[in-house]
Amino acid sequence: MPIYKRGNTFLVSVGSLDNRYRQSFKTEKEAQVAELEALARLKASGRPQIEPLWPSVDKPKGKTLKDAHDLTWRLYWSQDKGKECHEVTINCVFRAIPELTLLSDITPSMVLEAIEEWEDEGNSGSTVNRKVSHISKMLSTAAEQGWITAVPKLPRRKPGKHRIRWMAEREELLVLNGCTQLGLNDLRDYITTAIDTGYRRGEMLGLVPNDFVNGMLQLHAGSTKSDKARAVPVTSRVAEILHRRSNQRKLFAFTHSQLRSQWLALKAHVGMEDDNQFCVHMLRHTCASRLVQRGVNLAVVQKWMGHANIATTLRYAHLAPDSLAVGREALEQVSTTSHLKVVNG
């Protein structure tokens, strides 16, 4: 019998060696239920253990950004009067570039994509540059220890100066065909969903099938940059993707590094290696740009994109069709009105 009494607890043991489920319970009834569940799993899958909710992630092989941060903190920032500001800044950095990113993988294009995300949040040029400076300091500390051979030259921003890169429809067709040719079907679905929802990379990677309800794809409080819940109605092509992927634990089971690796392979395949603005975050720009280009009111675009400040949405205003033509038509109506007369010049 796979239930044993050990002191005041009841031990359940089903299976053997590495393929064994072992767990202690306070009552015999709890142990009996757990035993039946383990036996059912053993019969169904050959493994009595409870499978983890998410797949395990291998520990990175090499020094990571977290290693560089910990050393930089001990050597420099922990004694700084502004160490609280360092903590806040680093938390922002790690949301854009995960702390377990290998130092050898950090490139100017990766930092540029983080910059795009920060600007999307409404960060000023000086705030963006402060975050980039923290990355540079960590890389410099790593170079001093011989963890990396050189510190890459990272991009900076002048206040108010940045370009919005979005994907034209012909480019989208090229990219989606490229995914098919490379066999990157998960990436193809990710790109389509990101373009039609405008969701950020972190928001996309956190989605599960149950987030798709009544034609709406939902983001829960705490899962967004603003920590506020929001939802958008999905297009027919995204609905098809979500239904097709509804039996998966996560809608898009990429890690940040896996997503980036596949994106770089796609970027090379479609001949965009020299376009530093051709990054994953561009998909979000594409959504906002298309909404504006098709005449959607800026207030609606702000709500759809989850922009905390309308100033962020206004970056796309120049893409609105016939925005100046509307003014011309209004003036034409006045000038052609029959009773309008010019008096005394």
Protein backbone atom coordinates (compact mmCIF):
# COMPACT_ATOMS: atom_id res chain seq x y z
CA MET A 1 0.00 0.00 0.00
CA PRO A 2 1.58 3.33 -1.03
CA ILE A 3 0.43 5.22 2.10
CA TYR A 4 2.63 5.09 5.17
CA LYS A 5 2.11 6.69 8.55
CA ARG A 6 5.12 8.68 9.70
CA GLY A 7 4.56 10.16 13.13
CA ASN A 8 1.62 12.54 12.84
CA THR A 9 1.61 12.61 9.03
CA PHE A 10 0.69 10.24 6.21
CA LEU A 11 3.21 9.72 3.40
CA VAL A 12 2.00 8.92 -0.11
CA SER A 13 4.48 7.11 -2.36
CA VAL A 14 3.52 6.09 -5.91
CA GLY A 15 6.04 4.88 -8.49
CA SER A 16 9.73 4.19 -8.02
CA LEU A 17 13.15 5.78 -8.32
CA ASP A 18 13.11 8.97 -10.45
CA ASN A 19 9.56 8.23 -11.61
CA ARG A 20 8.04 8.53 -8.15
CA TYR A 21 5.51 10.80 -6.45
CA ARG A 22 6.16 11.39 -2.70
CA GLN A 23 4.22 13.80 -0.53
CA SER A 24 3.20 14.05 3.15
CA PHE A 25 -0.29 15.00 4.35
CA LYS A 26 -1.77 15.87 7.75
CA THR A 27 -4.75 13.54 7.45
CA GLU A 28 -5.27 10.05 6.04
CA LYS A 29 -8.19 11.27 3.93
CA GLU A 30 -6.00 13.85 2.18
CA ALA A 31 -3.40 11.15 1.59
CA GLN A 32 -5.98 8.77 0.08
CA VAL A 33 -7.19 11.45 -2.35
CA ALA A 34 -3.62 12.28 -3.36
CA GLU A 35 -2.87 8.58 -3.86
CA LEU A 36 -5.84 8.13 -6.21
CA GLU A 37 -4.83 11.24 -8.20
CA ALA A 38 -1.23 10.00 -8.49
CA LEU A 39 -2.37 6.56 -9.65
CA ALA A 40 -4.62 8.23 -12.24
CA ARG A 41 -1.71 10.31 -13.55
CA LEU A 42 0.47 7.19 -13.66
CA LYS A 43 -2.14 5.35 -15.71
CA ALA A 44 -2.77 8.27 -18.05
CA SER A 45 0.78 9.48 -18.73
CA GLY A 46 3.15 6.97 -17.17
CA ARG A 47 4.25 9.59 -14.63
CA PRO A 48 2.66 9.94 -11.16
CA GLN A 49 4.21 13.35 -10.52
CA ILE A 50 2.28 16.60 -10.90
CA GLU A 51 3.65 18.31 -13.99
CA PRO A 52 4.79 21.90 -13.42
CA LEU A 53 2.41 24.63 -14.63
CA TRP A 54 5.16 26.11 -16.81
CA PRO A 55 8.10 24.32 -18.41
CA SER A 56 11.33 24.59 -16.49
CA VAL A 57 13.90 27.03 -17.78
CA ASP A 58 17.51 25.96 -17.92
CA LYS A 59 19.95 28.09 -15.96
CA PRO A 60 21.92 30.29 -18.35
CA LYS A 61 25.44 29.07 -19.14
CA GLY A 62 27.59 32.11 -18.57
CA LYS A 63 27.53 35.43 -16.78
CA THR A 64 24.21 37.25 -16.87
CA LEU A 65 23.03 40.82 -16.52
CA LYS A 66 22.02 39.97 -12.94
CA ASP A 67 25.59 38.89 -12.18
CA ALA A 68 26.84 42.21 -13.53
CA HIS A 69 24.22 44.08 -11.52
CA ASP A 70 25.04 42.32 -8.25
CA LEU A 71 28.73 43.10 -8.64
CA THR A 72 28.09 46.72 -9.67
CA TRP A 73 25.78 47.14 -6.69
CA ARG A 74 28.41 45.89 -4.25
CA LEU A 75 31.25 47.90 -5.76
CA TYR A 76 29.51 51.18 -6.57
CA TRP A 77 25.77 51.69 -6.07
CA SER A 78 25.26 50.31 -2.54
CA GLN A 79 27.28 53.19 -1.04
CA ASP A 80 25.76 55.84 -3.28
CA LYS A 81 23.40 58.41 -1.73
CA GLY A 82 21.03 57.84 -4.63
CA LYS A 83 20.89 54.05 -4.27
CA GLU A 84 17.08 54.11 -4.04
CA CYS A 85 17.01 55.71 -7.51
CA HIS A 86 19.37 53.00 -8.75
CA GLU A 87 16.95 50.34 -7.52
CA VAL A 88 14.00 51.92 -9.31
CA THR A 89 15.96 52.34 -12.53
CA ILE A 90 17.29 48.79 -12.48
CA ASN A 91 13.80 47.36 -11.96
CA CYS A 92 12.73 49.21 -15.11
CA VAL A 93 15.75 47.87 -16.98
CA PHE A 94 15.02 44.28 -15.95
CA ARG A 95 11.41 44.55 -17.16
CA ALA A 96 12.69 45.37 -20.66
CA ILE A 97 15.83 43.19 -20.61
CA PRO A 98 15.36 40.15 -18.33
CA GLU A 99 17.99 39.84 -15.62
CA LEU A 100 19.03 36.35 -16.77
CA THR A 101 20.02 37.63 -20.22
CA LEU A 102 23.56 36.55 -21.02
CA LEU A 103 26.00 39.45 -21.14
CA SER A 104 27.30 38.16 -24.45
CA ASP A 105 23.78 38.54 -25.91
CA ILE A 106 23.38 42.22 -25.07
CA THR A 107 23.75 44.24 -28.24
CA PRO A 108 22.95 47.80 -29.33
CA SER A 109 19.86 46.53 -31.16
CA MET A 110 18.57 44.83 -27.99
CA VAL A 111 19.02 48.06 -26.04
CA LEU A 112 17.37 50.01 -28.84
CA GLU A 113 14.31 47.80 -28.50
CA ALA A 114 14.24 48.50 -24.76
CA ILE A 115 14.46 52.22 -25.56
CA GLU A 116 11.44 51.86 -27.85
CA GLU A 117 9.48 50.29 -24.99
CA TRP A 118 10.46 53.05 -22.54
CA GLU A 119 9.49 55.75 -25.01
CA ASP A 120 6.20 53.96 -25.54
CA GLU A 121 5.62 54.30 -21.79
CA GLY A 122 6.13 58.05 -22.12
CA ASN A 123 9.71 58.24 -20.81
CA SER A 124 11.58 61.41 -21.72
CA GLY A 125 14.93 61.34 -23.46
CA SER A 126 16.75 62.03 -20.19
CA THR A 127 14.92 59.20 -18.40
CA VAL A 128 15.71 56.80 -21.23
CA ASN A 129 19.38 57.80 -21.17
CA ARG A 130 19.56 57.23 -17.40
CA LYS A 131 18.41 53.66 -17.90
CA VAL A 132 20.88 53.14 -20.74
CA SER A 133 23.66 54.54 -18.55
CA HIS A 134 22.88 51.92 -15.90
CA ILE A 135 23.17 49.17 -18.51
CA SER A 136 26.46 50.64 -19.69
CA LYS A 137 27.79 50.79 -16.12
CA MET A 138 26.95 47.13 -15.53
CA LEU A 139 28.63 46.12 -18.78
CA SER A 140 31.70 48.19 -17.92
CA THR A 141 31.93 46.45 -14.54
CA ALA A 142 31.62 43.08 -16.28
CA ALA A 143 34.40 44.05 -18.72
CA GLU A 144 36.66 44.99 -15.79
CA GLN A 145 36.24 41.43 -14.50
CA GLY A 146 36.93 39.91 -17.91
CA TRP A 147 33.38 38.58 -18.22
CA ILE A 148 33.05 40.25 -21.63
CA THR A 149 35.79 41.38 -23.96
CA ALA A 150 34.36 44.79 -24.85
CA VAL A 151 31.51 47.11 -23.97
CA PRO A 152 29.21 47.73 -26.94
CA LYS A 153 28.42 51.34 -27.83
CA LEU A 154 24.83 51.75 -26.74
CA PRO A 155 22.35 54.15 -28.37
CA ARG A 156 21.19 57.29 -26.58
CA ARG A 157 18.24 59.59 -27.12
CA LYS A 158 18.04 63.34 -27.56
CA PRO A 159 14.99 64.73 -25.76
CA GLY A 160 11.95 64.45 -28.02
CA LYS A 161 13.92 62.97 -30.91
CA HIS A 162 12.96 59.50 -32.02
CA ARG A 163 11.45 57.82 -35.06
CA ILE A 164 8.44 55.57 -35.04
CA ARG A 165 9.06 52.50 -37.20
CA TRP A 166 5.97 50.60 -38.25
CA MET A 167 5.36 47.77 -40.70
CA ALA A 168 3.66 48.39 -44.00
CA GLU A 169 1.24 45.71 -45.23
CA ARG A 170 3.65 44.54 -47.92
CA GLU A 171 6.35 44.17 -45.25
CA GLU A 172 3.95 42.19 -43.08
CA LEU A 173 3.30 39.80 -45.96
CA LEU A 174 7.04 39.43 -46.49
CA VAL A 175 7.60 38.73 -42.79
CA LEU A 176 4.76 36.23 -42.42
CA ASN A 177 5.88 34.36 -45.56
CA GLY A 178 9.40 34.35 -44.13
CA CYS A 179 8.12 32.69 -40.94
CA THR A 180 6.44 30.00 -43.03
CA GLN A 181 9.59 29.41 -45.08
CA LEU A 182 11.70 29.09 -41.91
CA GLY A 183 9.15 26.87 -40.17
CA LEU A 184 8.64 29.48 -37.42
CA ASN A 185 4.90 28.95 -37.12
CA ASP A 186 4.71 30.05 -33.47
CA LEU A 187 6.46 33.29 -34.37
CA ARG A 188 4.06 33.84 -37.27
CA ASP A 189 1.09 33.57 -34.90
CA TYR A 190 2.83 35.84 -32.38
CA ILE A 191 3.48 38.53 -34.99
CA THR A 192 -0.09 38.48 -36.26
CA THR A 193 -1.54 38.68 -32.76
CA ALA A 194 0.84 41.45 -31.69
CA ILE A 195 0.01 43.59 -34.73
CA ASP A 196 -3.76 43.24 -34.28
CA THR A 197 -3.81 43.76 -30.50
CA GLY A 198 -0.94 46.18 -29.94
CA TYR A 199 0.10 44.25 -26.84
CA ARG A 200 3.64 44.65 -25.56
CA ARG A 201 6.13 41.79 -25.60
CA GLY A 202 5.81 41.10 -21.86
CA GLU A 203 2.02 41.22 -22.09
CA MET A 204 2.02 38.82 -25.03
CA LEU A 205 4.27 36.29 -23.32
CA GLY A 206 2.02 36.24 -20.26
CA LEU A 207 -1.17 35.35 -22.14
CA VAL A 208 -2.98 32.06 -21.43
CA PRO A 209 -5.96 30.59 -23.33
CA ASN A 210 -8.44 31.64 -20.62
CA ASP A 211 -7.59 35.30 -21.34
CA PHE A 212 -9.67 35.03 -24.53
CA VAL A 213 -13.30 35.53 -23.49
CA ASN A 214 -16.31 36.54 -25.61
CA GLY A 215 -14.18 37.84 -28.46
CA MET A 216 -12.00 39.94 -26.14
CA LEU A 217 -8.35 39.29 -25.29
CA GLN A 218 -7.88 40.38 -21.70
CA LEU A 219 -4.89 41.66 -19.75
CA HIS A 220 -5.33 41.43 -16.01
CA ALA A 221 -4.38 44.02 -13.41
CA GLY A 222 -0.70 43.66 -12.59
CA SER A 223 0.22 42.17 -15.98
CA THR A 224 0.50 45.50 -17.81
CA LYS A 225 3.00 48.36 -17.64
CA SER A 226 0.42 50.55 -15.88
CA ASP A 227 -0.75 47.64 -13.66
CA LYS A 228 -4.29 48.33 -14.93
CA ALA A 229 -6.47 45.72 -16.58
CA ARG A 230 -7.56 46.23 -20.15
CA ALA A 231 -8.96 44.22 -23.05
CA VAL A 232 -9.29 44.61 -26.81
CA PRO A 233 -11.62 42.91 -29.28
CA VAL A 234 -9.73 40.55 -31.55
CA THR A 235 -9.79 40.42 -35.32
CA SER A 236 -11.04 37.32 -37.12
CA ARG A 237 -7.52 36.16 -37.96
CA VAL A 238 -6.42 36.48 -34.32
CA ALA A 239 -9.56 34.68 -33.14
CA GLU A 240 -8.61 31.77 -35.42
CA ILE A 241 -5.10 31.71 -33.91
CA LEU A 242 -6.39 31.80 -30.33
CA HIS A 243 -8.89 28.99 -30.95
CA ARG A 244 -6.17 26.91 -32.58
CA ARG A 245 -3.83 27.43 -29.62
CA SER A 246 -6.47 26.99 -26.92
CA ASN A 247 -5.08 23.64 -25.72
CA GLN A 248 -1.70 25.12 -24.78
CA ARG A 249 -0.67 26.17 -21.30
CA LYS A 250 0.47 29.54 -22.58
CA LEU A 251 -0.62 31.05 -25.86
CA PHE A 252 2.99 31.79 -26.80
CA ALA A 253 5.49 29.59 -24.99
CA PHE A 254 8.57 31.64 -25.80
CA THR A 255 11.16 32.83 -23.34
CA HIS A 256 12.42 36.34 -24.05
CA SER A 257 15.66 34.90 -25.43
CA GLN A 258 13.88 32.36 -27.64
CA LEU A 259 11.65 35.06 -29.08
CA ARG A 260 14.65 37.25 -29.79
CA SER A 261 16.61 34.40 -31.36
CA GLN A 262 13.77 33.56 -33.75
CA TRP A 263 13.22 37.23 -34.57
CA LEU A 264 16.90 37.68 -35.49
CA ALA A 265 16.72 34.62 -37.75
CA LEU A 266 13.64 36.07 -39.44
CA LYS A 267 15.25 39.51 -39.71
CA ALA A 268 18.23 38.04 -41.54
CA HIS A 269 15.99 35.95 -43.80
CA VAL A 270 13.99 38.96 -45.01
CA GLY A 271 17.10 41.12 -45.46
CA MET A 272 16.50 43.59 -42.62
CA GLU A 273 19.81 43.12 -40.80
CA ASP A 274 20.82 46.75 -41.27
CA ASP A 275 17.51 48.17 -40.03
CA ASN A 276 18.03 48.69 -36.28
CA GLN A 277 14.42 49.87 -35.93
CA PHE A 278 13.14 46.52 -37.22
CA CYS A 279 12.53 45.04 -33.77
CA VAL A 280 9.79 43.14 -31.95
CA HIS A 281 8.40 46.33 -30.39
CA MET A 282 7.78 47.63 -33.92
CA LEU A 283 4.71 45.34 -33.98
CA ARG A 284 3.07 47.53 -31.33
CA HIS A 285 3.90 50.66 -33.33
CA THR A 286 2.30 48.98 -36.33
CA CYS A 287 -0.97 48.47 -34.49
CA ALA A 288 -1.17 52.10 -33.32
CA SER A 289 -0.16 53.42 -36.74
CA ARG A 290 -2.79 51.40 -38.58
CA LEU A 291 -5.53 52.48 -36.18
CA VAL A 292 -4.67 56.13 -36.78
CA GLN A 293 -4.22 55.69 -40.52
CA ARG A 294 -7.70 54.20 -40.75
CA GLY A 295 -9.24 57.21 -39.04
CA VAL A 296 -9.75 55.85 -35.51
CA ASN A 297 -10.17 58.67 -32.99
CA LEU A 298 -7.00 59.32 -30.97
CA ALA A 299 -8.88 58.92 -27.68
CA VAL A 300 -9.92 55.41 -28.79
CA VAL A 301 -6.35 54.64 -29.87
CA GLN A 302 -5.09 55.76 -26.45
CA LYS A 303 -7.50 53.39 -24.70
CA TRP A 304 -6.75 50.52 -27.10
CA MET A 305 -2.99 50.86 -26.67
CA GLY A 306 -3.13 51.44 -22.93
CA HIS A 307 -1.21 54.72 -23.14
CA ALA A 308 -1.22 56.42 -19.75
CA ASN A 309 -0.65 59.81 -21.38
CA ILE A 310 -2.32 61.13 -24.52
CA ALA A 311 1.03 62.70 -25.45
CA THR A 312 2.28 59.20 -26.26
CA THR A 313 -0.66 58.64 -28.60
CA LEU A 314 -0.09 62.01 -30.28
CA ARG A 315 3.20 60.71 -31.69
CA TYR A 316 1.05 58.91 -34.27
CA ALA A 317 -1.25 61.86 -35.03
CA HIS A 318 0.59 62.88 -38.20
CA LEU A 319 -0.42 59.57 -39.76
CA ALA A 320 -4.13 60.39 -39.62
CA PRO A 321 -5.63 60.48 -43.14
CA ASP A 322 -6.91 63.79 -44.47
CA SER A 323 -6.37 65.50 -41.11
CA LEU A 324 -5.59 68.80 -42.83
CA ALA A 325 -8.05 68.18 -45.63
CA VAL A 326 -10.87 68.28 -43.08
CA GLY A 327 -9.86 71.84 -42.22
CA ARG A 328 -9.74 72.82 -45.88
CA GLU A 329 -13.20 71.40 -46.48
CA ALA A 330 -14.57 73.32 -43.51
CA LEU A 331 -13.16 76.57 -44.91
CA GLU A 332 -14.45 75.74 -48.37
CA GLN A 333 -17.96 75.40 -46.96
CA VAL A 334 -17.72 78.88 -45.45
CA SER A 335 -16.29 80.51 -48.56
CA THR A 336 -18.96 79.04 -50.84
CA THR A 337 -21.88 80.03 -48.67
CA SER A 338 -24.04 82.33 -50.82
CA HIS A 339 -24.93 84.89 -48.16
CA LEU A 340 -21.31 85.49 -47.03
CA LYS A 341 -20.16 88.96 -48.07
CA VAL A 342 -16.92 90.89 -47.64
CA VAL A 343 -17.54 94.29 -46.03
CA ASN A 344 -14.94 97.10 -46.18
CA GLY A 345 -12.25 94.79 -47.44
